Amino acid sequence: ASTVNRLFKQALGVTPREYADAHRRERFRSSLRAGAGVLEA
């Protein structure tokens, strides 16, 4: 787990959790832009 965290920080500048959260936020924004309701998005 520590190696995965280190590799992510070296390659992307973020932890795997931060990467996943950013991706989840982008999916949420995309759903909202597509017209989905807040709960559905």
PDB file of all heavy atoms in Angstrom:
ATOM      1  N   ALA A   1       0.832  -1.204   0.000  1.00  0.00           N
ATOM      2  CA  ALA A   1       0.000   0.000   0.000  1.00  0.00           C
ATOM      3  C   ALA A   1       0.869   1.257   0.000  1.00  0.00           C
ATOM      4  O   ALA A   1       0.566   2.236  -0.697  1.00  0.00           O
ATOM      5  CB  ALA A   1      -0.934  -0.010   1.203  1.00  0.00           C
ATOM      6  N   SER A   2       1.961   1.239   0.752  1.00  0.00           N
ATOM      7  CA  SER A   2       2.826   2.417   0.792  1.00  0.00           C
ATOM      8  C   SER A   2       3.502   2.654  -0.558  1.00  0.00           C
ATOM      9  O   SER A   2       3.688   3.797  -0.976  1.00  0.00           O
ATOM     10  CB  SER A   2       3.873   2.286   1.900  1.00  0.00           C
ATOM     11  OG  SER A   2       4.706   1.171   1.668  1.00  0.00           O
ATOM     12  N   THR A   3       3.835   1.582  -1.272  1.00  0.00           N
ATOM     13  CA  THR A   3       4.444   1.723  -2.592  1.00  0.00           C
ATOM     14  C   THR A   3       3.438   2.301  -3.580  1.00  0.00           C
ATOM     15  O   THR A   3       3.784   3.169  -4.387  1.00  0.00           O
ATOM     16  CB  THR A   3       4.982   0.371  -3.104  1.00  0.00           C
ATOM     17  OG1 THR A   3       5.952  -0.110  -2.176  1.00  0.00           O
ATOM     18  CG2 THR A   3       5.604   0.492  -4.476  1.00  0.00           C
ATOM     19  N   VAL A   4       2.199   1.851  -3.506  1.00  0.00           N
ATOM     20  CA  VAL A   4       1.159   2.383  -4.390  1.00  0.00           C
ATOM     21  C   VAL A   4       0.985   3.879  -4.134  1.00  0.00           C
ATOM     22  O   VAL A   4       0.933   4.684  -5.066  1.00  0.00           O
ATOM     23  CB  VAL A   4      -0.173   1.624  -4.211  1.00  0.00           C
ATOM     24  CG1 VAL A   4      -1.317   2.345  -4.900  1.00  0.00           C
ATOM     25  CG2 VAL A   4      -0.045   0.212  -4.743  1.00  0.00           C
ATOM     26  N   ASN A   5       0.907   4.269  -2.861  1.00  0.00           N
ATOM     27  CA  ASN A   5       0.785   5.694  -2.534  1.00  0.00           C
ATOM     28  C   ASN A   5       1.971   6.487  -3.058  1.00  0.00           C
ATOM     29  O   ASN A   5       1.813   7.559  -3.631  1.00  0.00           O
ATOM     30  CB  ASN A   5       0.661   5.893  -1.014  1.00  0.00           C
ATOM     31  CG  ASN A   5      -0.753   5.736  -0.537  1.00  0.00           C
ATOM     32  OD1 ASN A   5      -1.690   6.147  -1.215  1.00  0.00           O
ATOM     33  ND2 ASN A   5      -0.918   5.149   0.631  1.00  0.00           N
ATOM     34  N   ARG A   6       3.187   5.970  -2.876  1.00  0.00           N
ATOM     35  CA  ARG A   6       4.393   6.655  -3.318  1.00  0.00           C
ATOM     36  C   ARG A   6       4.425   6.791  -4.837  1.00  0.00           C
ATOM     37  O   ARG A   6       4.739   7.860  -5.374  1.00  0.00           O
ATOM     38  CB  ARG A   6       5.641   5.909  -2.829  1.00  0.00           C
ATOM     39  CG  ARG A   6       6.947   6.590  -3.215  1.00  0.00           C
ATOM     40  CD  ARG A   6       8.165   5.870  -2.667  1.00  0.00           C
ATOM     41  NE  ARG A   6       8.160   4.429  -2.821  1.00  0.00           N
ATOM     42  CZ  ARG A   6       8.470   3.787  -3.943  1.00  0.00           C
ATOM     43  NH1 ARG A   6       8.808   4.456  -5.019  1.00  0.00           N
ATOM     44  NH2 ARG A   6       8.441   2.462  -3.995  1.00  0.00           N
ATOM     45  N   LEU A   7       4.073   5.724  -5.555  1.00  0.00           N
ATOM     46  CA  LEU A   7       4.076   5.775  -7.016  1.00  0.00           C
ATOM     47  C   LEU A   7       3.059   6.780  -7.545  1.00  0.00           C
ATOM     48  O   LEU A   7       3.334   7.512  -8.501  1.00  0.00           O
ATOM     49  CB  LEU A   7       3.805   4.392  -7.605  1.00  0.00           C
ATOM     50  CG  LEU A   7       4.895   3.347  -7.405  1.00  0.00           C
ATOM     51  CD1 LEU A   7       4.452   2.002  -7.970  1.00  0.00           C
ATOM     52  CD2 LEU A   7       6.197   3.794  -8.035  1.00  0.00           C
ATOM     53  N   PHE A   8       1.880   6.825  -6.933  1.00  0.00           N
ATOM     54  CA  PHE A   8       0.865   7.795  -7.339  1.00  0.00           C
ATOM     55  C   PHE A   8       1.365   9.218  -7.111  1.00  0.00           C
ATOM     56  O   PHE A   8       1.217  10.080  -7.964  1.00  0.00           O
ATOM     57  CB  PHE A   8      -0.443   7.577  -6.569  1.00  0.00           C
ATOM     58  CG  PHE A   8      -1.481   6.838  -7.351  1.00  0.00           C
ATOM     59  CD1 PHE A   8      -1.427   5.465  -7.472  1.00  0.00           C
ATOM     60  CD2 PHE A   8      -2.523   7.505  -7.969  1.00  0.00           C
ATOM     61  CE1 PHE A   8      -2.374   4.769  -8.188  1.00  0.00           C
ATOM     62  CE2 PHE A   8      -3.483   6.818  -8.689  1.00  0.00           C
ATOM     63  CZ  PHE A   8      -3.412   5.447  -8.799  1.00  0.00           C
ATOM     64  N   LYS A   9       1.969   9.455  -5.938  1.00  0.00           N
ATOM     65  CA  LYS A   9       2.480  10.794  -5.623  1.00  0.00           C
ATOM     66  C   LYS A   9       3.573  11.203  -6.607  1.00  0.00           C
ATOM     67  O   LYS A   9       3.615  12.345  -7.040  1.00  0.00           O
ATOM     68  CB  LYS A   9       3.031  10.847  -4.193  1.00  0.00           C
ATOM     69  CG  LYS A   9       1.984  10.986  -3.137  1.00  0.00           C
ATOM     70  CD  LYS A   9       1.283  12.297  -3.258  1.00  0.00           C
ATOM     71  CE  LYS A   9       1.372  13.078  -1.975  1.00  0.00           C
ATOM     72  NZ  LYS A   9       0.570  14.290  -2.021  1.00  0.00           N
ATOM     73  N   GLN A  10       4.443  10.262  -6.965  1.00  0.00           N
ATOM     74  CA  GLN A  10       5.519  10.567  -7.905  1.00  0.00           C
ATOM     75  C   GLN A  10       4.972  10.850  -9.303  1.00  0.00           C
ATOM     76  O   GLN A  10       5.400  11.787  -9.967  1.00  0.00           O
ATOM     77  CB  GLN A  10       6.518   9.412  -7.994  1.00  0.00           C
ATOM     78  CG  GLN A  10       7.436   9.301  -6.816  1.00  0.00           C
ATOM     79  CD  GLN A  10       8.333   8.068  -6.896  1.00  0.00           C
ATOM     80  OE1 GLN A  10       8.060   7.126  -7.635  1.00  0.00           O
ATOM     81  NE2 GLN A  10       9.394   8.069  -6.114  1.00  0.00           N
ATOM     82  N   ALA A  11       4.050  10.018  -9.750  1.00  0.00           N
ATOM     83  CA  ALA A  11       3.560  10.124 -11.125  1.00  0.00           C
ATOM     84  C   ALA A  11       2.520  11.222 -11.310  1.00  0.00           C
ATOM     85  O   ALA A  11       2.533  11.937 -12.312  1.00  0.00           O
ATOM     86  CB  ALA A  11       2.973   8.781 -11.579  1.00  0.00           C
ATOM     87  N   LEU A  12       1.608  11.369 -10.339  1.00  0.00           N
ATOM     88  CA  LEU A  12       0.475  12.276 -10.516  1.00  0.00           C
ATOM     89  C   LEU A  12       0.432  13.437  -9.528  1.00  0.00           C
ATOM     90  O   LEU A  12      -0.328  14.385  -9.712  1.00  0.00           O
ATOM     91  CB  LEU A  12      -0.835  11.485 -10.398  1.00  0.00           C
ATOM     92  CG  LEU A  12      -0.992  10.299 -11.346  1.00  0.00           C
ATOM     93  CD1 LEU A  12      -2.250   9.525 -11.032  1.00  0.00           C
ATOM     94  CD2 LEU A  12      -0.986  10.767 -12.785  1.00  0.00           C
ATOM     95  N   GLY A  13       1.188  13.325  -8.447  1.00  0.00           N
ATOM     96  CA  GLY A  13       1.174  14.384  -7.450  1.00  0.00           C
ATOM     97  C   GLY A  13       0.037  14.278  -6.458  1.00  0.00           C
ATOM     98  O   GLY A  13      -0.170  15.179  -5.646  1.00  0.00           O
ATOM     99  N   VAL A  14      -0.737  13.198  -6.534  1.00  0.00           N
ATOM    100  CA  VAL A  14      -1.860  12.971  -5.623  1.00  0.00           C
ATOM    101  C   VAL A  14      -1.852  11.515  -5.164  1.00  0.00           C
ATOM    102  O   VAL A  14      -1.231  10.667  -5.792  1.00  0.00           O
ATOM    103  CB  VAL A  14      -3.227  13.283  -6.286  1.00  0.00           C
ATOM    104  CG1 VAL A  14      -3.351  14.752  -6.643  1.00  0.00           C
ATOM    105  CG2 VAL A  14      -3.448  12.421  -7.520  1.00  0.00           C
ATOM    106  N   THR A  15      -2.569  11.247  -4.089  1.00  0.00           N
ATOM    107  CA  THR A  15      -2.719   9.871  -3.620  1.00  0.00           C
ATOM    108  C   THR A  15      -3.800   9.178  -4.446  1.00  0.00           C
ATOM    109  O   THR A  15      -4.580   9.850  -5.136  1.00  0.00           O
ATOM    110  CB  THR A  15      -3.129   9.843  -2.134  1.00  0.00           C
ATOM    111  OG1 THR A  15      -4.426  10.436  -2.009  1.00  0.00           O
ATOM    112  CG2 THR A  15      -2.117  10.572  -1.256  1.00  0.00           C
ATOM    113  N   PRO A  16      -3.894   7.859  -4.371  1.00  0.00           N
ATOM    114  CA  PRO A  16      -4.971   7.166  -5.086  1.00  0.00           C
ATOM    115  C   PRO A  16      -6.361   7.650  -4.651  1.00  0.00           C
ATOM    116  O   PRO A  16      -7.260   7.794  -5.472  1.00  0.00           O
ATOM    117  CB  PRO A  16      -4.768   5.693  -4.720  1.00  0.00           C
ATOM    118  CG  PRO A  16      -3.338   5.582  -4.368  1.00  0.00           C
ATOM    119  CD  PRO A  16      -2.964   6.901  -3.767  1.00  0.00           C
ATOM    120  N   ARG A  17      -6.514   7.937  -3.360  1.00  0.00           N
ATOM    121  CA  ARG A  17      -7.801   8.426  -2.845  1.00  0.00           C
ATOM    122  C   ARG A  17      -8.152   9.785  -3.458  1.00  0.00           C
ATOM    123  O   ARG A  17      -9.286  10.028  -3.873  1.00  0.00           O
ATOM    124  CB  ARG A  17      -7.745   8.517  -1.313  1.00  0.00           C
ATOM    125  CG  ARG A  17      -8.966   9.091  -0.667  1.00  0.00           C
ATOM    126  CD  ARG A  17     -10.141   8.180  -0.902  1.00  0.00           C
ATOM    127  NE  ARG A  17     -11.352   8.766  -0.389  1.00  0.00           N
ATOM    128  CZ  ARG A  17     -12.332   8.069   0.128  1.00  0.00           C
ATOM    129  NH1 ARG A  17     -12.242   6.765   0.215  1.00  0.00           N
ATOM    130  NH2 ARG A  17     -13.411   8.658   0.538  1.00  0.00           N
ATOM    131  N   GLU A  18      -7.164  10.681  -3.525  1.00  0.00           N
ATOM    132  CA  GLU A  18      -7.402  11.999  -4.112  1.00  0.00           C
ATOM    133  C   GLU A  18      -7.730  11.879  -5.600  1.00  0.00           C
ATOM    134  O   GLU A  18      -8.591  12.598  -6.111  1.00  0.00           O
ATOM    135  CB  GLU A  18      -6.181  12.902  -3.910  1.00  0.00           C
ATOM    136  CG  GLU A  18      -5.943  13.292  -2.470  1.00  0.00           C
ATOM    137  CD  GLU A  18      -4.586  13.916  -2.222  1.00  0.00           C
ATOM    138  OE1 GLU A  18      -3.623  13.623  -2.980  1.00  0.00           O
ATOM    139  OE2 GLU A  18      -4.478  14.688  -1.252  1.00  0.00           O
ATOM    140  N   TYR A  19      -7.059  10.954  -6.283  1.00  0.00           N
ATOM    141  CA  TYR A  19      -7.351  10.729  -7.697  1.00  0.00           C
ATOM    142  C   TYR A  19      -8.783  10.230  -7.867  1.00  0.00           C
ATOM    143  O   TYR A  19      -9.527  10.710  -8.717  1.00  0.00           O
ATOM    144  CB  TYR A  19      -6.362   9.725  -8.305  1.00  0.00           C
ATOM    145  CG  TYR A  19      -6.620   9.476  -9.770  1.00  0.00           C
ATOM    146  CD1 TYR A  19      -6.106  10.330 -10.734  1.00  0.00           C
ATOM    147  CD2 TYR A  19      -7.385   8.400 -10.187  1.00  0.00           C
ATOM    148  CE1 TYR A  19      -6.345  10.126 -12.076  1.00  0.00           C
ATOM    149  CE2 TYR A  19      -7.638   8.180 -11.526  1.00  0.00           C
ATOM    150  CZ  TYR A  19      -7.115   9.043 -12.468  1.00  0.00           C
ATOM    151  OH  TYR A  19      -7.372   8.840 -13.800  1.00  0.00           O
ATOM    152  N   ALA A  20      -9.172   9.261  -7.039  1.00  0.00           N
ATOM    153  CA  ALA A  20     -10.518   8.695  -7.122  1.00  0.00           C
ATOM    154  C   ALA A  20     -11.573   9.756  -6.811  1.00  0.00           C
ATOM    155  O   ALA A  20     -12.609   9.822  -7.489  1.00  0.00           O
ATOM    156  CB  ALA A  20     -10.650   7.510  -6.167  1.00  0.00           C
ATOM    157  N   ASP A  21     -11.316  10.577  -5.799  1.00  0.00           N
ATOM    158  CA  ASP A  21     -12.269  11.642  -5.454  1.00  0.00           C
ATOM    159  C   ASP A  21     -12.421  12.638  -6.591  1.00  0.00           C
ATOM    160  O   ASP A  21     -13.528  13.069  -6.907  1.00  0.00           O
ATOM    161  CB  ASP A  21     -11.832  12.362  -4.175  1.00  0.00           C
ATOM    162  CG  ASP A  21     -12.037  11.525  -2.926  1.00  0.00           C
ATOM    163  OD1 ASP A  21     -12.794  10.534  -2.981  1.00  0.00           O
ATOM    164  OD2 ASP A  21     -11.424  11.862  -1.886  1.00  0.00           O
ATOM    165  N   ALA A  22     -11.316  13.017  -7.224  1.00  0.00           N
ATOM    166  CA  ALA A  22     -11.370  13.953  -8.352  1.00  0.00           C
ATOM    167  C   ALA A  22     -12.150  13.344  -9.515  1.00  0.00           C
ATOM    168  O   ALA A  22     -12.952  14.033 -10.161  1.00  0.00           O
ATOM    169  CB  ALA A  22      -9.960  14.328  -8.796  1.00  0.00           C
ATOM    170  N   HIS A  23     -11.932  12.062  -9.766  1.00  0.00           N
ATOM    171  CA  HIS A  23     -12.656  11.396 -10.849  1.00  0.00           C
ATOM    172  C   HIS A  23     -14.157  11.318 -10.525  1.00  0.00           C
ATOM    173  O   HIS A  23     -14.990  11.544 -11.396  1.00  0.00           O
ATOM    174  CB  HIS A  23     -12.092   9.992 -11.093  1.00  0.00           C
ATOM    175  CG  HIS A  23     -12.749   9.298 -12.231  1.00  0.00           C
ATOM    176  ND1 HIS A  23     -12.562   9.678 -13.540  1.00  0.00           N
ATOM    177  CD2 HIS A  23     -13.618   8.272 -12.259  1.00  0.00           C
ATOM    178  CE1 HIS A  23     -13.288   8.903 -14.316  1.00  0.00           C
ATOM    179  NE2 HIS A  23     -13.930   8.039 -13.563  1.00  0.00           N
ATOM    180  N   ARG A  24     -14.477  11.034  -9.279  1.00  0.00           N
ATOM    181  CA  ARG A  24     -15.879  10.958  -8.864  1.00  0.00           C
ATOM    182  C   ARG A  24     -16.549  12.328  -8.995  1.00  0.00           C
ATOM    183  O   ARG A  24     -17.688  12.422  -9.459  1.00  0.00           O
ATOM    184  CB  ARG A  24     -15.964  10.442  -7.424  1.00  0.00           C
ATOM    185  CG  ARG A  24     -17.383  10.234  -6.952  1.00  0.00           C
ATOM    186  CD  ARG A  24     -17.452   9.483  -5.673  1.00  0.00           C
ATOM    187  NE  ARG A  24     -16.727  10.167  -4.612  1.00  0.00           N
ATOM    188  CZ  ARG A  24     -16.795   9.812  -3.341  1.00  0.00           C
ATOM    189  NH1 ARG A  24     -17.525   8.783  -2.974  1.00  0.00           N
ATOM    190  NH2 ARG A  24     -16.116  10.479  -2.437  1.00  0.00           N
ATOM    191  N   ARG A  25     -15.842  13.397  -8.614  1.00  0.00           N
ATOM    192  CA  ARG A  25     -16.398  14.750  -8.766  1.00  0.00           C
ATOM    193  C   ARG A  25     -16.643  15.076 -10.233  1.00  0.00           C
ATOM    194  O   ARG A  25     -17.656  15.693 -10.578  1.00  0.00           O
ATOM    195  CB  ARG A  25     -15.456  15.789  -8.152  1.00  0.00           C
ATOM    196  CG  ARG A  25     -15.485  15.821  -6.647  1.00  0.00           C
ATOM    197  CD  ARG A  25     -14.754  17.025  -6.078  1.00  0.00           C
ATOM    198  NE  ARG A  25     -13.366  17.116  -6.489  1.00  0.00           N
ATOM    199  CZ  ARG A  25     -12.348  16.577  -5.818  1.00  0.00           C
ATOM    200  NH1 ARG A  25     -12.571  15.915  -4.696  1.00  0.00           N
ATOM    201  NH2 ARG A  25     -11.112  16.714  -6.265  1.00  0.00           N
ATOM    202  N   GLU A  26     -15.743  14.646 -11.105  1.00  0.00           N
ATOM    203  CA  GLU A  26     -15.929  14.908 -12.537  1.00  0.00           C
ATOM    204  C   GLU A  26     -17.124  14.130 -13.088  1.00  0.00           C
ATOM    205  O   GLU A  26     -17.880  14.651 -13.917  1.00  0.00           O
ATOM    206  CB  GLU A  26     -14.663  14.573 -13.325  1.00  0.00           C
ATOM    207  CG  GLU A  26     -14.753  14.882 -14.806  1.00  0.00           C
ATOM    208  CD  GLU A  26     -15.213  16.295 -15.126  1.00  0.00           C
ATOM    209  OE1 GLU A  26     -14.831  17.250 -14.421  1.00  0.00           O
ATOM    210  OE2 GLU A  26     -15.986  16.453 -16.100  1.00  0.00           O
ATOM    211  N   ARG A  27     -17.302  12.898 -12.638  1.00  0.00           N
ATOM    212  CA  ARG A  27     -18.493  12.134 -13.064  1.00  0.00           C
ATOM    213  C   ARG A  27     -19.764  12.825 -12.598  1.00  0.00           C
ATOM    214  O   ARG A  27     -20.759  12.884 -13.323  1.00  0.00           O
ATOM    215  CB  ARG A  27     -18.443  10.705 -12.509  1.00  0.00           C
ATOM    216  CG  ARG A  27     -17.502   9.803 -13.251  1.00  0.00           C
ATOM    217  CD  ARG A  27     -17.706   8.347 -12.944  1.00  0.00           C
ATOM    218  NE  ARG A  27     -17.869   8.083 -11.528  1.00  0.00           N
ATOM    219  CZ  ARG A  27     -17.497   6.977 -10.921  1.00  0.00           C
ATOM    220  NH1 ARG A  27     -16.930   6.024 -11.608  1.00  0.00           N
ATOM    221  NH2 ARG A  27     -17.678   6.810  -9.632  1.00  0.00           N
ATOM    222  N   PHE A  28     -19.740  13.362 -11.388  1.00  0.00           N
ATOM    223  CA  PHE A  28     -20.892  14.085 -10.844  1.00  0.00           C
ATOM    224  C   PHE A  28     -21.191  15.320 -11.697  1.00  0.00           C
ATOM    225  O   PHE A  28     -22.337  15.548 -12.096  1.00  0.00           O
ATOM    226  CB  PHE A  28     -20.618  14.480  -9.382  1.00  0.00           C
ATOM    227  CG  PHE A  28     -21.702  15.304  -8.764  1.00  0.00           C
ATOM    228  CD1 PHE A  28     -22.942  14.742  -8.491  1.00  0.00           C
ATOM    229  CD2 PHE A  28     -21.492  16.636  -8.452  1.00  0.00           C
ATOM    230  CE1 PHE A  28     -23.957  15.502  -7.921  1.00  0.00           C
ATOM    231  CE2 PHE A  28     -22.489  17.394  -7.883  1.00  0.00           C
ATOM    232  CZ  PHE A  28     -23.724  16.834  -7.614  1.00  0.00           C
ATOM    233  N   ARG A  29     -20.154  16.119 -12.002  1.00  0.00           N
ATOM    234  CA  ARG A  29     -20.352  17.324 -12.824  1.00  0.00           C
ATOM    235  C   ARG A  29     -20.871  16.959 -14.211  1.00  0.00           C
ATOM    236  O   ARG A  29     -21.752  17.630 -14.751  1.00  0.00           O
ATOM    237  CB  ARG A  29     -19.043  18.107 -12.931  1.00  0.00           C
ATOM    238  CG  ARG A  29     -18.685  18.868 -11.677  1.00  0.00           C
ATOM    239  CD  ARG A  29     -17.531  19.836 -11.908  1.00  0.00           C
ATOM    240  NE  ARG A  29     -16.280  19.179 -12.211  1.00  0.00           N
ATOM    241  CZ  ARG A  29     -15.373  18.844 -11.301  1.00  0.00           C
ATOM    242  NH1 ARG A  29     -15.576  19.101 -10.033  1.00  0.00           N
ATOM    243  NH2 ARG A  29     -14.264  18.246 -11.670  1.00  0.00           N
ATOM    244  N   SER A  30     -20.356  15.885 -14.795  1.00  0.00           N
ATOM    245  CA  SER A  30     -20.805  15.454 -16.124  1.00  0.00           C
ATOM    246  C   SER A  30     -22.276  15.067 -16.111  1.00  0.00           C
ATOM    247  O   SER A  30     -23.016  15.412 -17.031  1.00  0.00           O
ATOM    248  CB  SER A  30     -19.974  14.271 -16.614  1.00  0.00           C
ATOM    249  OG  SER A  30     -18.652  14.655 -16.839  1.00  0.00           O
ATOM    250  N   SER A  31     -22.696  14.360 -15.068  1.00  0.00           N
ATOM    251  CA  SER A  31     -24.109  13.974 -14.952  1.00  0.00           C
ATOM    252  C   SER A  31     -24.993  15.200 -14.811  1.00  0.00           C
ATOM    253  O   SER A  31     -26.071  15.272 -15.411  1.00  0.00           O
ATOM    254  CB  SER A  31     -24.325  13.055 -13.749  1.00  0.00           C
ATOM    255  OG  SER A  31     -23.828  11.776 -14.004  1.00  0.00           O
ATOM    256  N   LEU A  32     -24.547  16.173 -14.010  1.00  0.00           N
ATOM    257  CA  LEU A  32     -25.331  17.399 -13.860  1.00  0.00           C
ATOM    258  C   LEU A  32     -25.442  18.147 -15.185  1.00  0.00           C
ATOM    259  O   LEU A  32     -26.519  18.627 -15.557  1.00  0.00           O
ATOM    260  CB  LEU A  32     -24.714  18.320 -12.802  1.00  0.00           C
ATOM    261  CG  LEU A  32     -24.854  17.890 -11.348  1.00  0.00           C
ATOM    262  CD1 LEU A  32     -24.119  18.866 -10.443  1.00  0.00           C
ATOM    263  CD2 LEU A  32     -26.314  17.781 -10.940  1.00  0.00           C
ATOM    264  N   ARG A  33     -24.338  18.244 -15.922  1.00  0.00           N
ATOM    265  CA  ARG A  33     -24.353  18.937 -17.219  1.00  0.00           C
ATOM    266  C   ARG A  33     -25.261  18.221 -18.207  1.00  0.00           C
ATOM    267  O   ARG A  33     -25.837  18.848 -19.093  1.00  0.00           O
ATOM    268  CB  ARG A  33     -22.947  19.041 -17.788  1.00  0.00           C
ATOM    269  CG  ARG A  33     -22.096  20.101 -17.122  1.00  0.00           C
ATOM    270  CD  ARG A  33     -20.809  20.367 -17.881  1.00  0.00           C
ATOM    271  NE  ARG A  33     -19.949  19.208 -17.984  1.00  0.00           N
ATOM    272  CZ  ARG A  33     -18.950  18.916 -17.156  1.00  0.00           C
ATOM    273  NH1 ARG A  33     -18.674  19.718 -16.151  1.00  0.00           N
ATOM    274  NH2 ARG A  33     -18.226  17.835 -17.330  1.00  0.00           N
ATOM    275  N   ALA A  34     -25.381  16.895 -18.052  1.00  0.00           N
ATOM    276  CA  ALA A  34     -26.240  16.114 -18.949  1.00  0.00           C
ATOM    277  C   ALA A  34     -27.712  16.252 -18.577  1.00  0.00           C
ATOM    278  O   ALA A  34     -28.579  15.726 -19.272  1.00  0.00           O
ATOM    279  CB  ALA A  34     -25.833  14.652 -18.934  1.00  0.00           C
ATOM    280  N   GLY A  35     -27.997  16.953 -17.468  1.00  0.00           N
ATOM    281  CA  GLY A  35     -29.380  17.206 -17.092  1.00  0.00           C
ATOM    282  C   GLY A  35     -29.938  16.320 -15.993  1.00  0.00           C
ATOM    283  O   GLY A  35     -31.117  16.402 -15.666  1.00  0.00           O
ATOM    284  N   ALA A  36     -29.112  15.469 -15.396  1.00  0.00           N
ATOM    285  CA  ALA A  36     -29.584  14.601 -14.316  1.00  0.00           C
ATOM    286  C   ALA A  36     -29.877  15.434 -13.070  1.00  0.00           C
ATOM    287  O   ALA A  36     -29.290  16.492 -12.856  1.00  0.00           O
ATOM    288  CB  ALA A  36     -28.527  13.552 -13.992  1.00  0.00           C
ATOM    289  N   GLY A  37     -30.793  14.944 -12.244  1.00  0.00           N
ATOM    290  CA  GLY A  37     -31.075  15.597 -10.971  1.00  0.00           C
ATOM    291  C   GLY A  37     -29.901  15.386 -10.020  1.00  0.00           C
ATOM    292  O   GLY A  37     -29.045  14.534 -10.241  1.00  0.00           O
ATOM    293  N   VAL A  38     -29.871  16.166  -8.951  1.00  0.00           N
ATOM    294  CA  VAL A  38     -28.750  16.114  -8.018  1.00  0.00           C
ATOM    295  C   VAL A  38     -28.626  14.727  -7.390  1.00  0.00           C
ATOM    296  O   VAL A  38     -27.529  14.160  -7.333  1.00  0.00           O
ATOM    297  CB  VAL A  38     -28.896  17.205  -6.928  1.00  0.00           C
ATOM    298  CG1 VAL A  38     -27.794  17.072  -5.893  1.00  0.00           C
ATOM    299  CG2 VAL A  38     -28.876  18.588  -7.558  1.00  0.00           C
ATOM    300  N   LEU A  39     -29.735  14.149  -6.940  1.00  0.00           N
ATOM    301  CA  LEU A  39     -29.687  12.823  -6.320  1.00  0.00           C
ATOM    302  C   LEU A  39     -29.218  11.773  -7.325  1.00  0.00           C
ATOM    303  O   LEU A  39     -28.331  10.969  -7.025  1.00  0.00           O
ATOM    304  CB  LEU A  39     -31.054  12.435  -5.754  1.00  0.00           C
ATOM    305  CG  LEU A  39     -31.149  11.028  -5.157  1.00  0.00           C
ATOM    306  CD1 LEU A  39     -30.187  10.890  -3.978  1.00  0.00           C
ATOM    307  CD2 LEU A  39     -32.569  10.727  -4.728  1.00  0.00           C
ATOM    308  N   GLU A  40     -29.789  11.800  -8.515  1.00  0.00           N
ATOM    309  CA  GLU A  40     -29.404  10.834  -9.550  1.00  0.00           C
ATOM    310  C   GLU A  40     -27.926  10.970  -9.913  1.00  0.00           C
ATOM    311  O   GLU A  40     -27.196   9.981 -10.016  1.00  0.00           O
ATOM    312  CB  GLU A  40     -30.272  11.055 -10.795  1.00  0.00           C
ATOM    313  CG  GLU A  40     -29.987  10.095 -11.928  1.00  0.00           C
ATOM    314  CD  GLU A  40     -30.788  10.426 -13.185  1.00  0.00           C
ATOM    315  OE1 GLU A  40     -31.690  11.274 -13.131  1.00  0.00           O
ATOM    316  OE2 GLU A  40     -30.467   9.823 -14.220  1.00  0.00           O
ATOM    317  N   ALA A  41     -27.444  12.195 -10.085  1.00  0.00           N
ATOM    318  CA  ALA A  41     -26.044  12.434 -10.432  1.00  0.00           C
ATOM    319  C   ALA A  41     -25.126  11.978  -9.309  1.00  0.00           C
ATOM    320  O   ALA A  41     -24.069  11.391  -9.560  1.00  0.00           O
ATOM    321  CB  ALA A  41     -25.822  13.916 -10.729  1.00  0.00           C
TER     322      ALA A  41
END
